[in-house]
Amino acid sequence: MRVLISGSVFAAAMLASLPALAGSMEPRFGNTMIASRPDGTVMKLYYNADKSFTGNIQPAGAPMAISINGTWRQDGDKLCVQPAAGPGGAMPPESCAELKGDHVGDTWETTVKGLDGEPVVQTVTIVKGR
């Protein structure tokens, strides 16, 4: 149980540091958004037109990925994500980020806040298919 709760907190922190997405969510539907960090952590997210998302986070050096899900909403030029409650009902905070990337194949770097609060540069790509 302790691992699941820690995983939920980790997932919320990772989502809170997600980079921005495009002004239109269309390029993400049916495709994959991959965010990679210098430490080897990789996040794969799958956005759906019904305003839900699923995905997984593979922390660097961890034996297993952490599954995540929740809802998203577009607020002007920002994408806001709300991870689902973790075990025990802990609700991670909603996080919003400026929208970037407009097409499948777009790749960009963005600086986000890491779990320790320090800046981390990560590379984000929208990949065709799931």
C-alpha atoms as a PDB file:
ATOM      1  CA  MET A   1       0.000   0.000   0.000  1.00  0.00           C
ATOM      2  CA  ARG A   2       2.833   2.385   0.809  1.00  0.00           C
ATOM      3  CA  VAL A   3       4.274   2.005  -2.706  1.00  0.00           C
ATOM      4  CA  LEU A   4       0.889   2.813  -4.269  1.00  0.00           C
ATOM      5  CA  ILE A   5       0.474   5.982  -2.231  1.00  0.00           C
ATOM      6  CA  SER A   6       4.029   7.055  -3.026  1.00  0.00           C
ATOM      7  CA  GLY A   7       3.370   6.302  -6.694  1.00  0.00           C
ATOM      8  CA  SER A   8       0.278   8.504  -6.662  1.00  0.00           C
ATOM      9  CA  VAL A   9       2.200  11.395  -5.116  1.00  0.00           C
ATOM     10  CA  PHE A  10       5.041  10.881  -7.626  1.00  0.00           C
ATOM     11  CA  ALA A  11       2.577  10.823 -10.534  1.00  0.00           C
ATOM     12  CA  ALA A  12       0.953  14.048  -9.350  1.00  0.00           C
ATOM     13  CA  ALA A  13       4.336  15.748  -9.070  1.00  0.00           C
ATOM     14  CA  MET A  14       5.331  14.585 -12.553  1.00  0.00           C
ATOM     15  CA  LEU A  15       2.039  15.776 -14.057  1.00  0.00           C
ATOM     16  CA  ALA A  16       2.367  19.105 -12.310  1.00  0.00           C
ATOM     17  CA  SER A  17       5.643  19.589 -14.118  1.00  0.00           C
ATOM     18  CA  LEU A  18       4.318  18.624 -17.538  1.00  0.00           C
ATOM     19  CA  PRO A  19       5.243  20.944 -20.346  1.00  0.00           C
ATOM     20  CA  ALA A  20       2.722  22.812 -22.386  1.00  0.00           C
ATOM     21  CA  LEU A  21       0.773  21.334 -25.256  1.00  0.00           C
ATOM     22  CA  ALA A  22      -0.606  22.835 -28.488  1.00  0.00           C
ATOM     23  CA  GLY A  23      -3.430  25.336 -28.818  1.00  0.00           C
ATOM     24  CA  SER A  24      -5.497  22.461 -30.173  1.00  0.00           C
ATOM     25  CA  MET A  25      -5.720  19.101 -28.484  1.00  0.00           C
ATOM     26  CA  GLU A  26      -6.534  17.368 -31.806  1.00  0.00           C
ATOM     27  CA  PRO A  27      -2.916  16.258 -32.512  1.00  0.00           C
ATOM     28  CA  ARG A  28      -2.905  14.309 -29.239  1.00  0.00           C
ATOM     29  CA  PHE A  29      -6.073  12.262 -29.797  1.00  0.00           C
ATOM     30  CA  GLY A  30      -5.080   8.773 -30.939  1.00  0.00           C
ATOM     31  CA  ASN A  31      -1.400   9.601 -30.468  1.00  0.00           C
ATOM     32  CA  THR A  32       1.190   9.617 -27.672  1.00  0.00           C
ATOM     33  CA  MET A  33       2.917  12.476 -25.901  1.00  0.00           C
ATOM     34  CA  ILE A  34       6.333  11.417 -24.607  1.00  0.00           C
ATOM     35  CA  ALA A  35       8.332  13.494 -22.117  1.00  0.00           C
ATOM     36  CA  SER A  36      11.935  12.443 -21.347  1.00  0.00           C
ATOM     37  CA  ARG A  37      14.188  13.801 -18.634  1.00  0.00           C
ATOM     38  CA  PRO A  38      18.004  13.752 -18.449  1.00  0.00           C
ATOM     39  CA  ASP A  39      17.904  11.292 -15.520  1.00  0.00           C
ATOM     40  CA  GLY A  40      16.157   8.718 -17.767  1.00  0.00           C
ATOM     41  CA  THR A  41      12.611   9.209 -16.478  1.00  0.00           C
ATOM     42  CA  VAL A  42      10.064   8.807 -19.308  1.00  0.00           C
ATOM     43  CA  MET A  43       6.381   9.722 -19.231  1.00  0.00           C
ATOM     44  CA  LYS A  44       3.869   8.584 -21.900  1.00  0.00           C
ATOM     45  CA  LEU A  45       0.462  10.252 -21.953  1.00  0.00           C
ATOM     46  CA  TYR A  46      -2.625   9.448 -24.015  1.00  0.00           C
ATOM     47  CA  TYR A  47      -5.219  12.221 -24.287  1.00  0.00           C
ATOM     48  CA  ASN A  48      -8.820  11.464 -25.302  1.00  0.00           C
ATOM     49  CA  ALA A  49     -11.502  13.699 -26.837  1.00  0.00           C
ATOM     50  CA  ASP A  50     -13.800  12.927 -23.870  1.00  0.00           C
ATOM     51  CA  LYS A  51     -11.431  15.017 -21.694  1.00  0.00           C
ATOM     52  CA  SER A  52      -9.810  12.002 -20.017  1.00  0.00           C
ATOM     53  CA  PHE A  53      -6.181  10.907 -20.135  1.00  0.00           C
ATOM     54  CA  THR A  54      -4.225   7.798 -19.223  1.00  0.00           C
ATOM     55  CA  GLY A  55      -0.546   7.060 -19.243  1.00  0.00           C
ATOM     56  CA  ASN A  56       2.452   5.798 -17.382  1.00  0.00           C
ATOM     57  CA  ILE A  57       5.599   7.155 -15.818  1.00  0.00           C
ATOM     58  CA  GLN A  58       8.777   5.079 -15.873  1.00  0.00           C
ATOM     59  CA  PRO A  59      11.019   6.651 -13.227  1.00  0.00           C
ATOM     60  CA  ALA A  60      14.743   6.310 -13.903  1.00  0.00           C
ATOM     61  CA  GLY A  61      16.023   3.070 -12.391  1.00  0.00           C
ATOM     62  CA  ALA A  62      12.571   1.903 -11.231  1.00  0.00           C
ATOM     63  CA  PRO A  63      11.601  -1.687 -12.054  1.00  0.00           C
ATOM     64  CA  MET A  64       8.005  -0.800 -12.960  1.00  0.00           C
ATOM     65  CA  ALA A  65       6.097   2.073 -14.528  1.00  0.00           C
ATOM     66  CA  ILE A  66       3.443   3.930 -12.562  1.00  0.00           C
ATOM     67  CA  SER A  67       0.016   4.021 -14.220  1.00  0.00           C
ATOM     68  CA  ILE A  68      -1.808   7.347 -14.151  1.00  0.00           C
ATOM     69  CA  ASN A  69      -5.190   8.649 -15.289  1.00  0.00           C
ATOM     70  CA  GLY A  70      -7.410  11.644 -14.834  1.00  0.00           C
ATOM     71  CA  THR A  71      -9.096  14.451 -16.704  1.00  0.00           C
ATOM     72  CA  TRP A  72      -7.905  17.430 -18.708  1.00  0.00           C
ATOM     73  CA  ARG A  73      -9.371  20.782 -19.684  1.00  0.00           C
ATOM     74  CA  GLN A  74      -8.201  23.591 -21.913  1.00  0.00           C
ATOM     75  CA  ASP A  75      -8.209  27.033 -20.296  1.00  0.00           C
ATOM     76  CA  GLY A  76      -7.370  29.582 -22.994  1.00  0.00           C
ATOM     77  CA  ASP A  77      -3.734  28.985 -23.930  1.00  0.00           C
ATOM     78  CA  LYS A  78      -3.193  26.509 -21.096  1.00  0.00           C
ATOM     79  CA  LEU A  79      -3.775  22.793 -20.637  1.00  0.00           C
ATOM     80  CA  CYS A  80      -4.850  21.818 -17.127  1.00  0.00           C
ATOM     81  CA  VAL A  81      -4.627  18.217 -15.907  1.00  0.00           C
ATOM     82  CA  GLN A  82      -6.304  16.722 -12.850  1.00  0.00           C
ATOM     83  CA  PRO A  83      -4.898  13.308 -11.877  1.00  0.00           C
ATOM     84  CA  ALA A  84      -7.399  10.896 -10.360  1.00  0.00           C
ATOM     85  CA  ALA A  85      -7.376  10.337  -6.618  1.00  0.00           C
ATOM     86  CA  GLY A  86      -4.778   7.864  -5.413  1.00  0.00           C
ATOM     87  CA  PRO A  87      -5.211   5.046  -2.929  1.00  0.00           C
ATOM     88  CA  GLY A  88      -6.770   6.334   0.251  1.00  0.00           C
ATOM     89  CA  GLY A  89      -8.525   9.127  -1.663  1.00  0.00           C
ATOM     90  CA  ALA A  90      -5.577  11.539  -1.775  1.00  0.00           C
ATOM     91  CA  MET A  91      -6.392  14.045  -4.534  1.00  0.00           C
ATOM     92  CA  PRO A  92      -3.320  15.488  -6.290  1.00  0.00           C
ATOM     93  CA  PRO A  93      -3.600  19.161  -7.223  1.00  0.00           C
ATOM     94  CA  GLU A  94      -4.638  20.254 -10.720  1.00  0.00           C
ATOM     95  CA  SER A  95      -1.750  21.651 -12.731  1.00  0.00           C
ATOM     96  CA  CYS A  96      -1.822  23.948 -15.751  1.00  0.00           C
ATOM     97  CA  ALA A  97       0.860  24.721 -18.329  1.00  0.00           C
ATOM     98  CA  GLU A  98       1.193  26.915 -21.415  1.00  0.00           C
ATOM     99  CA  LEU A  99       0.294  25.064 -24.634  1.00  0.00           C
ATOM    100  CA  LYS A 100       3.123  24.060 -27.033  1.00  0.00           C
ATOM    101  CA  GLY A 101       3.480  21.698 -29.995  1.00  0.00           C
ATOM    102  CA  ASP A 102       1.028  21.840 -32.872  1.00  0.00           C
ATOM    103  CA  HIS A 103       1.500  18.663 -34.926  1.00  0.00           C
ATOM    104  CA  VAL A 104       2.347  14.982 -34.660  1.00  0.00           C
ATOM    105  CA  GLY A 105       6.140  14.845 -34.851  1.00  0.00           C
ATOM    106  CA  ASP A 106       6.720  18.166 -33.066  1.00  0.00           C
ATOM    107  CA  THR A 107       9.510  18.037 -30.475  1.00  0.00           C
ATOM    108  CA  TRP A 108      10.475  20.770 -28.044  1.00  0.00           C
ATOM    109  CA  GLU A 109      12.402  21.310 -24.847  1.00  0.00           C
ATOM    110  CA  THR A 110      10.831  22.855 -21.820  1.00  0.00           C
ATOM    111  CA  THR A 111      12.038  23.663 -18.334  1.00  0.00           C
ATOM    112  CA  VAL A 112       9.804  22.328 -15.582  1.00  0.00           C
ATOM    113  CA  LYS A 113       9.965  22.052 -11.819  1.00  0.00           C
ATOM    114  CA  GLY A 114      11.395  18.702 -10.696  1.00  0.00           C
ATOM    115  CA  LEU A 115      10.256  16.720  -7.683  1.00  0.00           C
ATOM    116  CA  ASP A 116      12.920  18.508  -5.612  1.00  0.00           C
ATOM    117  CA  GLY A 117      11.646  21.918  -6.765  1.00  0.00           C
ATOM    118  CA  GLU A 118      14.695  22.547  -8.940  1.00  0.00           C
ATOM    119  CA  PRO A 119      14.427  23.292 -12.687  1.00  0.00           C
ATOM    120  CA  VAL A 120      14.680  20.295 -15.037  1.00  0.00           C
ATOM    121  CA  VAL A 121      14.888  20.498 -18.831  1.00  0.00           C
ATOM    122  CA  GLN A 122      12.844  17.789 -20.512  1.00  0.00           C
ATOM    123  CA  THR A 123      12.253  16.906 -24.146  1.00  0.00           C
ATOM    124  CA  VAL A 124       8.667  16.419 -25.310  1.00  0.00           C
ATOM    125  CA  THR A 125       7.501  14.787 -28.563  1.00  0.00           C
ATOM    126  CA  ILE A 126       4.069  14.046 -30.012  1.00  0.00           C
ATOM    127  CA  VAL A 127       4.354  10.559 -31.540  1.00  0.00           C
ATOM    128  CA  LYS A 128       1.938   9.030 -34.064  1.00  0.00           C
ATOM    129  CA  GLY A 129      -0.162   6.162 -32.646  1.00  0.00           C
ATOM    130  CA  ARG A 130      -0.520   4.697 -29.218  1.00  0.00           C
END
